[in-house]
Amino acid sequence: MTKSYHHGHLIVWDEKEEMWNYVDTGRPIDPDRPCFWCGWPPTPEGHDACIGHIPGASGACCGHGRGVPYVMWWPNDESFLF
């Protein structure tokens, strides 16, 4: 069984249906489901609400209480430097 997390909620891959489902509800993942840790839904742009938009970042995650927070930067983008 393939497992992962979506906004901190445990999900499993359903090979028959070819989709990810939440373990706690059995339902397909919902991009608007609130964070497991802070309870806030993503911003309208899809960012983690607790960190919001980070200029120059190609991606970021607060960790949702399950993993290590991270920020990924666009290659050669120095707009975040002071």
Protein backbone atom coordinates (compact mmCIF):
# COMPACT_ATOMS: atom_id res chain seq x y z
CA MET A 1 0.00 0.00 0.00
CA THR A 2 1.42 3.37 -1.01
CA LYS A 3 1.02 6.07 1.63
CA SER A 4 1.73 9.79 1.67
CA TYR A 5 0.41 13.01 3.19
CA HIS A 6 -1.73 15.83 1.82
CA HIS A 7 -1.73 18.98 3.97
CA GLY A 8 -0.68 16.71 6.85
CA HIS A 9 -3.53 14.22 6.41
CA LEU A 10 -2.53 10.59 5.75
CA ILE A 11 -3.54 9.43 2.26
CA VAL A 12 -3.28 6.10 0.42
CA TRP A 13 -3.18 5.28 -3.29
CA ASP A 14 -6.21 3.27 -4.48
CA GLU A 15 -4.85 1.19 -7.36
CA LYS A 16 -8.31 0.12 -8.53
CA GLU A 17 -9.67 3.68 -8.73
CA GLU A 18 -6.23 5.18 -9.55
CA MET A 19 -6.62 8.01 -7.06
CA TRP A 20 -5.42 9.20 -3.65
CA ASN A 21 -7.88 8.90 -0.75
CA TYR A 22 -7.76 10.14 2.83
CA VAL A 23 -7.31 7.35 5.36
CA ASP A 24 -9.64 8.97 7.93
CA THR A 25 -12.58 9.58 5.57
CA GLY A 26 -11.94 7.26 2.60
CA ARG A 27 -12.72 10.21 0.32
CA PRO A 28 -10.55 11.57 -2.53
CA ILE A 29 -8.11 14.34 -1.64
CA ASP A 30 -9.53 17.83 -1.53
CA PRO A 31 -7.13 20.69 -2.39
CA ASP A 32 -9.09 22.99 -0.04
CA ARG A 33 -9.01 20.73 3.03
CA PRO A 34 -7.51 22.60 6.00
CA CYS A 35 -4.04 21.82 7.30
CA PHE A 36 -3.82 18.95 9.78
CA TRP A 37 -1.62 21.05 12.10
CA CYS A 38 -2.96 24.62 12.12
CA GLY A 39 -6.49 24.03 10.78
CA TRP A 40 -6.22 26.80 8.17
CA PRO A 41 -7.25 26.14 4.56
CA PRO A 42 -4.84 27.00 1.72
CA THR A 43 -4.91 30.56 0.38
CA PRO A 44 -6.92 31.15 -2.83
CA GLU A 45 -3.59 30.87 -4.69
CA GLY A 46 -2.94 27.47 -3.09
CA HIS A 47 -0.23 28.51 -0.63
CA ASP A 48 -0.01 27.20 2.92
CA ALA A 49 -1.92 29.86 4.84
CA CYS A 50 0.59 30.05 7.68
CA ILE A 51 3.45 31.04 5.34
CA GLY A 52 1.59 32.61 2.41
CA HIS A 53 3.36 33.79 -0.74
CA ILE A 54 7.17 33.85 -0.70
CA PRO A 55 8.59 36.03 -3.50
CA GLY A 56 11.10 34.10 -5.63
CA ALA A 57 10.06 30.68 -4.31
CA SER A 58 9.04 27.93 -6.70
CA GLY A 59 7.46 25.98 -3.84
CA ALA A 60 7.18 25.92 -0.06
CA CYS A 61 5.57 23.80 2.64
CA CYS A 62 5.04 24.45 6.34
CA GLY A 63 5.37 20.73 7.09
CA HIS A 64 1.77 20.47 8.36
CA GLY A 65 3.00 19.02 11.65
CA ARG A 66 4.24 15.90 9.87
CA GLY A 67 7.45 16.89 8.14
CA VAL A 68 10.19 19.46 7.89
CA PRO A 69 9.17 22.86 6.47
CA TYR A 70 10.98 23.87 3.28
CA VAL A 71 11.31 26.55 0.61
CA MET A 72 12.48 25.82 -2.95
CA TRP A 73 13.87 28.72 -4.97
CA TRP A 74 13.72 29.22 -8.72
CA PRO A 75 17.20 28.63 -10.17
CA ASN A 76 19.31 31.79 -10.35
CA ASP A 77 16.56 33.94 -8.82
CA GLU A 78 18.21 36.34 -6.42
CA SER A 79 15.15 38.51 -5.82
CA PHE A 80 14.92 37.19 -2.28
CA LEU A 81 18.38 38.46 -1.34
CA PHE A 82 18.65 41.70 0.59
